[in-house]
N, C-alpha and C. Protein backbone atom coordinates (compact mmCIF):
# COMPACT_ATOMS: atom_id res chain seq x y z
N MET A 1 0.76 -13.27 -1.48
CA MET A 1 0.15 -14.01 -2.56
C MET A 1 0.92 -15.31 -2.74
N MET A 2 0.17 -16.36 -2.98
CA MET A 2 0.75 -17.67 -3.20
C MET A 2 0.45 -18.11 -4.63
N PRO A 3 1.39 -18.81 -5.28
CA PRO A 3 1.08 -19.31 -6.61
C PRO A 3 0.10 -20.47 -6.52
N PRO A 4 -0.73 -20.64 -7.52
CA PRO A 4 -1.65 -21.80 -7.51
C PRO A 4 -0.87 -23.09 -7.69
N ARG A 5 -1.42 -24.20 -7.20
CA ARG A 5 -0.77 -25.50 -7.32
C ARG A 5 -0.89 -26.08 -8.72
N MET A 6 -1.72 -25.46 -9.56
CA MET A 6 -1.93 -25.96 -10.91
C MET A 6 -1.87 -24.80 -11.90
N GLU A 7 -1.74 -25.13 -13.17
CA GLU A 7 -1.69 -24.10 -14.21
C GLU A 7 -3.07 -23.72 -14.69
N GLY A 8 -4.07 -24.52 -14.36
CA GLY A 8 -5.43 -24.23 -14.79
C GLY A 8 -6.31 -25.46 -14.70
N PHE A 9 -7.44 -25.39 -15.36
CA PHE A 9 -8.42 -26.48 -15.38
C PHE A 9 -8.98 -26.59 -16.79
N LYS A 10 -9.47 -27.78 -17.11
CA LYS A 10 -10.12 -27.96 -18.40
C LYS A 10 -11.31 -28.88 -18.23
N PRO A 11 -12.28 -28.76 -19.14
CA PRO A 11 -13.43 -29.66 -19.10
C PRO A 11 -12.99 -31.12 -19.26
N PHE A 12 -13.61 -31.98 -18.52
CA PHE A 12 -13.30 -33.41 -18.53
C PHE A 12 -13.59 -34.01 -19.90
N GLY A 13 -12.65 -34.82 -20.41
CA GLY A 13 -12.88 -35.58 -21.62
C GLY A 13 -12.63 -34.87 -22.93
N ILE A 14 -12.23 -33.62 -22.91
CA ILE A 14 -11.97 -32.88 -24.14
C ILE A 14 -10.48 -32.55 -24.20
N PRO A 15 -9.79 -32.95 -25.26
CA PRO A 15 -8.36 -32.64 -25.36
C PRO A 15 -8.12 -31.12 -25.35
N MET A 16 -7.07 -30.72 -24.70
CA MET A 16 -6.75 -29.28 -24.58
C MET A 16 -6.65 -28.61 -25.94
N LYS A 17 -6.15 -29.31 -26.95
CA LYS A 17 -5.99 -28.72 -28.28
C LYS A 17 -7.33 -28.35 -28.91
N ASN A 18 -8.42 -28.93 -28.40
CA ASN A 18 -9.75 -28.65 -28.94
C ASN A 18 -10.51 -27.59 -28.14
N LEU A 19 -9.87 -27.00 -27.16
CA LEU A 19 -10.55 -26.06 -26.27
C LEU A 19 -10.09 -24.62 -26.47
N GLU A 20 -11.03 -23.71 -26.36
CA GLU A 20 -10.69 -22.30 -26.22
C GLU A 20 -10.37 -22.08 -24.75
N THR A 21 -9.67 -20.99 -24.44
CA THR A 21 -9.27 -20.75 -23.06
C THR A 21 -9.77 -19.41 -22.55
N VAL A 22 -9.87 -19.34 -21.24
CA VAL A 22 -10.14 -18.12 -20.50
C VAL A 22 -8.96 -17.95 -19.54
N VAL A 23 -8.39 -16.75 -19.46
CA VAL A 23 -7.27 -16.50 -18.57
C VAL A 23 -7.78 -15.95 -17.24
N LEU A 24 -7.37 -16.59 -16.17
CA LEU A 24 -7.63 -16.11 -14.82
C LEU A 24 -6.29 -15.58 -14.31
N LEU A 25 -6.21 -14.27 -14.09
CA LEU A 25 -4.96 -13.66 -13.64
C LEU A 25 -4.62 -14.11 -12.22
N PHE A 26 -3.33 -14.06 -11.87
CA PHE A 26 -2.91 -14.47 -10.53
C PHE A 26 -3.68 -13.72 -9.44
N GLU A 27 -3.89 -12.42 -9.63
CA GLU A 27 -4.61 -11.67 -8.60
C GLU A 27 -6.08 -12.07 -8.53
N GLU A 28 -6.66 -12.48 -9.65
CA GLU A 28 -8.03 -12.98 -9.63
C GLU A 28 -8.11 -14.31 -8.89
N PHE A 29 -7.15 -15.19 -9.16
CA PHE A 29 -7.07 -16.46 -8.43
C PHE A 29 -6.96 -16.20 -6.93
N GLU A 30 -6.11 -15.27 -6.55
CA GLU A 30 -5.89 -14.95 -5.14
C GLU A 30 -7.16 -14.39 -4.50
N ALA A 31 -7.89 -13.56 -5.23
CA ALA A 31 -9.15 -13.01 -4.70
C ALA A 31 -10.15 -14.11 -4.42
N VAL A 32 -10.27 -15.06 -5.33
CA VAL A 32 -11.19 -16.19 -5.12
C VAL A 32 -10.70 -17.06 -3.97
N ARG A 33 -9.40 -17.29 -3.91
CA ARG A 33 -8.84 -18.11 -2.82
C ARG A 33 -9.13 -17.49 -1.46
N LEU A 34 -8.90 -16.20 -1.34
CA LEU A 34 -9.09 -15.53 -0.05
C LEU A 34 -10.55 -15.49 0.38
N THR A 35 -11.45 -15.18 -0.54
CA THR A 35 -12.87 -15.05 -0.16
C THR A 35 -13.59 -16.38 -0.10
N ASP A 36 -13.44 -17.19 -1.13
CA ASP A 36 -14.23 -18.42 -1.21
C ASP A 36 -13.58 -19.62 -0.53
N TYR A 37 -12.27 -19.65 -0.45
CA TYR A 37 -11.57 -20.78 0.18
C TYR A 37 -11.19 -20.47 1.63
N GLU A 38 -10.61 -19.29 1.85
CA GLU A 38 -10.20 -18.88 3.20
C GLU A 38 -11.35 -18.25 3.99
N HIS A 39 -12.46 -17.94 3.33
CA HIS A 39 -13.67 -17.38 3.94
C HIS A 39 -13.44 -16.01 4.58
N LEU A 40 -12.56 -15.21 3.96
CA LEU A 40 -12.35 -13.84 4.45
C LEU A 40 -13.43 -12.94 3.85
N THR A 41 -13.73 -11.87 4.55
CA THR A 41 -14.60 -10.87 3.96
C THR A 41 -13.83 -10.16 2.86
N GLN A 42 -14.54 -9.43 2.01
CA GLN A 42 -13.84 -8.71 0.96
C GLN A 42 -12.92 -7.64 1.55
N ALA A 43 -13.32 -7.03 2.64
CA ALA A 43 -12.47 -6.02 3.29
C ALA A 43 -11.19 -6.67 3.82
N GLN A 44 -11.30 -7.82 4.45
CA GLN A 44 -10.11 -8.52 4.97
C GLN A 44 -9.20 -8.95 3.81
N ALA A 45 -9.81 -9.49 2.75
CA ALA A 45 -9.03 -9.94 1.61
C ALA A 45 -8.34 -8.77 0.93
N ALA A 46 -9.01 -7.64 0.83
CA ALA A 46 -8.40 -6.44 0.24
C ALA A 46 -7.17 -6.03 1.02
N ARG A 47 -7.26 -6.06 2.34
CA ARG A 47 -6.10 -5.72 3.17
C ARG A 47 -4.95 -6.70 2.92
N LYS A 48 -5.25 -7.99 2.84
CA LYS A 48 -4.19 -9.00 2.58
C LYS A 48 -3.52 -8.77 1.23
N MET A 49 -4.31 -8.34 0.25
CA MET A 49 -3.76 -8.11 -1.09
C MET A 49 -3.19 -6.70 -1.25
N ASN A 50 -3.34 -5.89 -0.21
CA ASN A 50 -2.81 -4.53 -0.22
C ASN A 50 -3.42 -3.68 -1.34
N VAL A 51 -4.75 -3.83 -1.50
CA VAL A 51 -5.50 -3.02 -2.46
C VAL A 51 -6.71 -2.44 -1.75
N SER A 52 -7.32 -1.44 -2.36
CA SER A 52 -8.52 -0.86 -1.77
C SER A 52 -9.68 -1.84 -1.88
N ARG A 53 -10.69 -1.63 -1.07
CA ARG A 53 -11.87 -2.50 -1.10
C ARG A 53 -12.55 -2.46 -2.48
N PRO A 54 -12.76 -1.27 -3.10
CA PRO A 54 -13.35 -1.24 -4.43
C PRO A 54 -12.50 -1.96 -5.49
N THR A 55 -11.17 -1.81 -5.39
CA THR A 55 -10.29 -2.51 -6.34
C THR A 55 -10.42 -4.01 -6.15
N PHE A 56 -10.45 -4.46 -4.90
CA PHE A 56 -10.62 -5.89 -4.64
C PHE A 56 -11.92 -6.39 -5.26
N THR A 57 -13.00 -5.65 -5.08
CA THR A 57 -14.30 -6.06 -5.62
C THR A 57 -14.24 -6.20 -7.14
N ARG A 58 -13.57 -5.26 -7.81
CA ARG A 58 -13.43 -5.35 -9.27
C ARG A 58 -12.64 -6.61 -9.67
N ILE A 59 -11.56 -6.90 -8.95
CA ILE A 59 -10.75 -8.08 -9.24
C ILE A 59 -11.58 -9.35 -9.03
N TYR A 60 -12.28 -9.41 -7.91
CA TYR A 60 -13.08 -10.59 -7.57
C TYR A 60 -14.22 -10.81 -8.57
N GLU A 61 -14.90 -9.74 -8.94
CA GLU A 61 -16.00 -9.85 -9.89
C GLU A 61 -15.50 -10.30 -11.26
N GLN A 62 -14.35 -9.81 -11.69
CA GLN A 62 -13.78 -10.25 -12.97
C GLN A 62 -13.41 -11.73 -12.91
N ALA A 63 -12.88 -12.17 -11.78
CA ALA A 63 -12.55 -13.60 -11.60
C ALA A 63 -13.81 -14.44 -11.73
N ARG A 64 -14.88 -14.03 -11.08
CA ARG A 64 -16.13 -14.79 -11.14
C ARG A 64 -16.68 -14.82 -12.56
N ARG A 65 -16.58 -13.72 -13.28
CA ARG A 65 -17.06 -13.70 -14.67
C ARG A 65 -16.24 -14.67 -15.53
N ASN A 66 -14.92 -14.66 -15.34
CA ASN A 66 -14.06 -15.56 -16.12
C ASN A 66 -14.35 -17.02 -15.82
N ILE A 67 -14.52 -17.36 -14.55
CA ILE A 67 -14.81 -18.74 -14.17
C ILE A 67 -16.18 -19.15 -14.71
N ALA A 68 -17.16 -18.29 -14.59
CA ALA A 68 -18.50 -18.59 -15.10
C ALA A 68 -18.47 -18.79 -16.62
N LYS A 69 -17.74 -17.95 -17.33
CA LYS A 69 -17.64 -18.10 -18.78
C LYS A 69 -17.05 -19.45 -19.15
N ALA A 70 -16.00 -19.86 -18.45
CA ALA A 70 -15.38 -21.15 -18.72
C ALA A 70 -16.35 -22.30 -18.45
N PHE A 71 -17.06 -22.24 -17.34
CA PHE A 71 -18.01 -23.31 -17.00
C PHE A 71 -19.16 -23.38 -17.99
N VAL A 72 -19.76 -22.24 -18.29
CA VAL A 72 -20.95 -22.22 -19.15
C VAL A 72 -20.59 -22.53 -20.60
N GLU A 73 -19.47 -22.01 -21.09
CA GLU A 73 -19.10 -22.19 -22.50
C GLU A 73 -18.16 -23.36 -22.72
N GLY A 74 -17.81 -24.09 -21.66
CA GLY A 74 -16.93 -25.26 -21.80
C GLY A 74 -15.52 -24.92 -22.24
N LYS A 75 -14.95 -23.87 -21.63
CA LYS A 75 -13.60 -23.44 -21.97
C LYS A 75 -12.63 -23.84 -20.87
N ALA A 76 -11.36 -23.97 -21.22
CA ALA A 76 -10.32 -24.23 -20.24
C ALA A 76 -9.96 -22.94 -19.52
N ILE A 77 -9.51 -23.04 -18.29
CA ILE A 77 -9.06 -21.89 -17.51
C ILE A 77 -7.54 -21.98 -17.37
N LEU A 78 -6.84 -20.94 -17.82
CA LEU A 78 -5.40 -20.84 -17.62
C LEU A 78 -5.15 -19.80 -16.54
N ILE A 79 -4.35 -20.14 -15.53
CA ILE A 79 -4.03 -19.21 -14.45
C ILE A 79 -2.63 -18.68 -14.71
N GLN A 80 -2.57 -17.39 -15.06
CA GLN A 80 -1.28 -16.81 -15.43
C GLN A 80 -1.37 -15.29 -15.49
N GLY A 81 -0.21 -14.65 -15.35
CA GLY A 81 -0.10 -13.22 -15.58
C GLY A 81 -0.81 -12.35 -14.57
N GLY A 82 -0.92 -11.10 -14.91
CA GLY A 82 -1.61 -10.15 -14.06
C GLY A 82 -0.68 -9.08 -13.51
N HIS A 83 -1.20 -8.36 -12.53
CA HIS A 83 -0.46 -7.27 -11.90
C HIS A 83 -0.32 -7.58 -10.42
N TYR A 84 0.84 -7.97 -10.01
CA TYR A 84 1.08 -8.33 -8.62
C TYR A 84 2.54 -8.06 -8.29
N ILE A 85 2.83 -7.96 -7.02
CA ILE A 85 4.19 -7.70 -6.57
C ILE A 85 4.61 -8.81 -5.62
N THR A 86 5.76 -9.37 -5.90
CA THR A 86 6.35 -10.38 -5.02
C THR A 86 7.85 -10.31 -5.13
N ASP A 87 8.53 -10.54 -4.04
CA ASP A 87 9.99 -10.60 -4.06
C ASP A 87 10.48 -12.03 -4.17
N ASP A 88 9.56 -12.98 -4.11
CA ASP A 88 9.91 -14.40 -4.16
C ASP A 88 9.90 -14.89 -5.60
N TYR A 89 10.60 -15.98 -5.82
CA TYR A 89 10.55 -16.69 -7.10
C TYR A 89 9.55 -17.83 -6.96
N TRP A 90 8.71 -18.01 -7.96
CA TRP A 90 7.74 -19.10 -7.97
C TRP A 90 8.12 -20.07 -9.07
N PHE A 91 8.28 -21.34 -8.72
CA PHE A 91 8.60 -22.37 -9.69
C PHE A 91 7.65 -23.55 -9.55
N ARG A 92 7.44 -24.25 -10.66
CA ARG A 92 6.69 -25.51 -10.64
C ARG A 92 7.50 -26.55 -11.39
N CYS A 93 7.58 -27.74 -10.82
CA CYS A 93 8.24 -28.85 -11.48
C CYS A 93 7.27 -29.50 -12.45
N ASN A 94 7.68 -29.64 -13.68
CA ASN A 94 6.83 -30.27 -14.69
C ASN A 94 6.77 -31.79 -14.55
N ASP A 95 7.67 -32.36 -13.74
CA ASP A 95 7.68 -33.82 -13.56
C ASP A 95 6.81 -34.27 -12.39
N CYS A 96 6.89 -33.58 -11.24
CA CYS A 96 6.12 -34.02 -10.07
C CYS A 96 5.09 -32.98 -9.61
N ASN A 97 5.01 -31.83 -10.29
CA ASN A 97 4.07 -30.74 -9.99
C ASN A 97 4.31 -30.03 -8.66
N GLU A 98 5.47 -30.21 -8.07
CA GLU A 98 5.82 -29.49 -6.84
C GLU A 98 5.87 -28.00 -7.13
N VAL A 99 5.26 -27.19 -6.27
CA VAL A 99 5.33 -25.74 -6.37
C VAL A 99 6.34 -25.27 -5.33
N MET A 100 7.29 -24.46 -5.77
CA MET A 100 8.35 -23.98 -4.89
C MET A 100 8.35 -22.46 -4.85
N ILE A 101 8.43 -21.90 -3.65
CA ILE A 101 8.57 -20.47 -3.45
C ILE A 101 9.94 -20.28 -2.81
N THR A 102 10.81 -19.56 -3.49
CA THR A 102 12.19 -19.42 -3.02
C THR A 102 12.63 -17.96 -3.03
N MET A 103 13.66 -17.68 -2.28
CA MET A 103 14.23 -16.33 -2.27
C MET A 103 15.22 -16.13 -3.41
N LYS A 104 15.74 -17.24 -3.97
CA LYS A 104 16.71 -17.18 -5.06
C LYS A 104 16.26 -18.14 -6.16
N PRO A 105 16.71 -17.92 -7.38
CA PRO A 105 16.38 -18.86 -8.46
C PRO A 105 16.90 -20.26 -8.13
N VAL A 106 16.20 -21.26 -8.58
CA VAL A 106 16.64 -22.65 -8.39
C VAL A 106 16.75 -23.32 -9.75
N LYS A 107 17.54 -24.36 -9.82
CA LYS A 107 17.76 -25.11 -11.06
C LYS A 107 17.15 -26.51 -10.99
N TYR A 108 16.85 -26.99 -9.77
CA TYR A 108 16.35 -28.34 -9.57
C TYR A 108 15.12 -28.34 -8.68
N CYS A 109 14.26 -29.32 -8.87
CA CYS A 109 13.10 -29.50 -7.99
C CYS A 109 13.58 -30.03 -6.65
N ARG A 110 13.08 -29.45 -5.58
CA ARG A 110 13.48 -29.89 -4.23
C ARG A 110 12.87 -31.24 -3.86
N LYS A 111 11.84 -31.65 -4.58
CA LYS A 111 11.16 -32.91 -4.26
C LYS A 111 11.73 -34.09 -5.05
N CYS A 112 11.92 -33.90 -6.37
CA CYS A 112 12.34 -35.03 -7.21
C CYS A 112 13.69 -34.81 -7.91
N ASP A 113 14.33 -33.67 -7.66
CA ASP A 113 15.64 -33.32 -8.26
C ASP A 113 15.61 -33.12 -9.77
N SER A 114 14.45 -33.00 -10.35
CA SER A 114 14.34 -32.79 -11.79
C SER A 114 14.80 -31.38 -12.15
N GLU A 115 15.35 -31.26 -13.35
CA GLU A 115 15.70 -29.95 -13.89
C GLU A 115 14.55 -29.38 -14.72
N ASN A 116 13.47 -30.11 -14.85
CA ASN A 116 12.33 -29.72 -15.68
C ASN A 116 11.39 -28.82 -14.88
N ILE A 117 11.86 -27.62 -14.57
CA ILE A 117 11.06 -26.67 -13.79
C ILE A 117 10.81 -25.41 -14.62
N ILE A 118 9.70 -24.73 -14.29
CA ILE A 118 9.37 -23.48 -14.96
C ILE A 118 9.13 -22.40 -13.91
N GLN A 119 9.46 -21.18 -14.26
CA GLN A 119 9.18 -20.05 -13.39
C GLN A 119 7.77 -19.58 -13.66
N LEU A 120 6.96 -19.47 -12.61
CA LEU A 120 5.56 -19.07 -12.76
C LEU A 120 5.39 -17.56 -12.81
N ASN A 121 6.13 -16.85 -11.97
CA ASN A 121 5.98 -15.39 -11.97
C ASN A 121 7.08 -14.78 -12.82
N THR A 122 6.67 -13.93 -13.69
CA THR A 122 7.63 -13.33 -14.61
C THR A 122 7.98 -11.90 -14.24
N ASN A 123 7.51 -11.46 -13.06
CA ASN A 123 7.86 -10.10 -12.65
C ASN A 123 9.26 -10.03 -12.06
N ILE A 124 9.89 -11.19 -11.81
CA ILE A 124 11.26 -11.25 -11.33
C ILE A 124 12.07 -11.99 -12.40
N PRO A 125 13.11 -11.39 -12.92
CA PRO A 125 13.88 -12.08 -13.96
C PRO A 125 14.59 -13.31 -13.41
N TYR A 126 14.58 -14.36 -14.18
CA TYR A 126 15.26 -15.62 -13.81
C TYR A 126 16.69 -15.52 -14.27
N VAL A 127 17.62 -15.64 -13.32
CA VAL A 127 19.04 -15.48 -13.63
C VAL A 127 19.67 -16.83 -13.89
């Protein structure tokens, strides 16, 4: 599983403070990425995510419902949380938006040297 390059999406021209949100879990994002972007079958994507085919279908269908709700109702999409396993640390730089996947915690952005980074996955404690 790879972290998304962004934290979410919002309708054009509406300030975030005026929007309701829909949460797209990391595993839902990954299901959409594998099937709709990588063009894998649901069976192939299920194997990549190490889940059963029926479980994958439930994850994918929930992702589609969340995305559709945001589009139809004009809500922002936040990509966060969920149930996933990774041994890597995921960080994003708030200054240059660089996404970093590392084996150990980092304190600086590898691209711009900023200390303004956040950990995306919370299943691994940041030391």
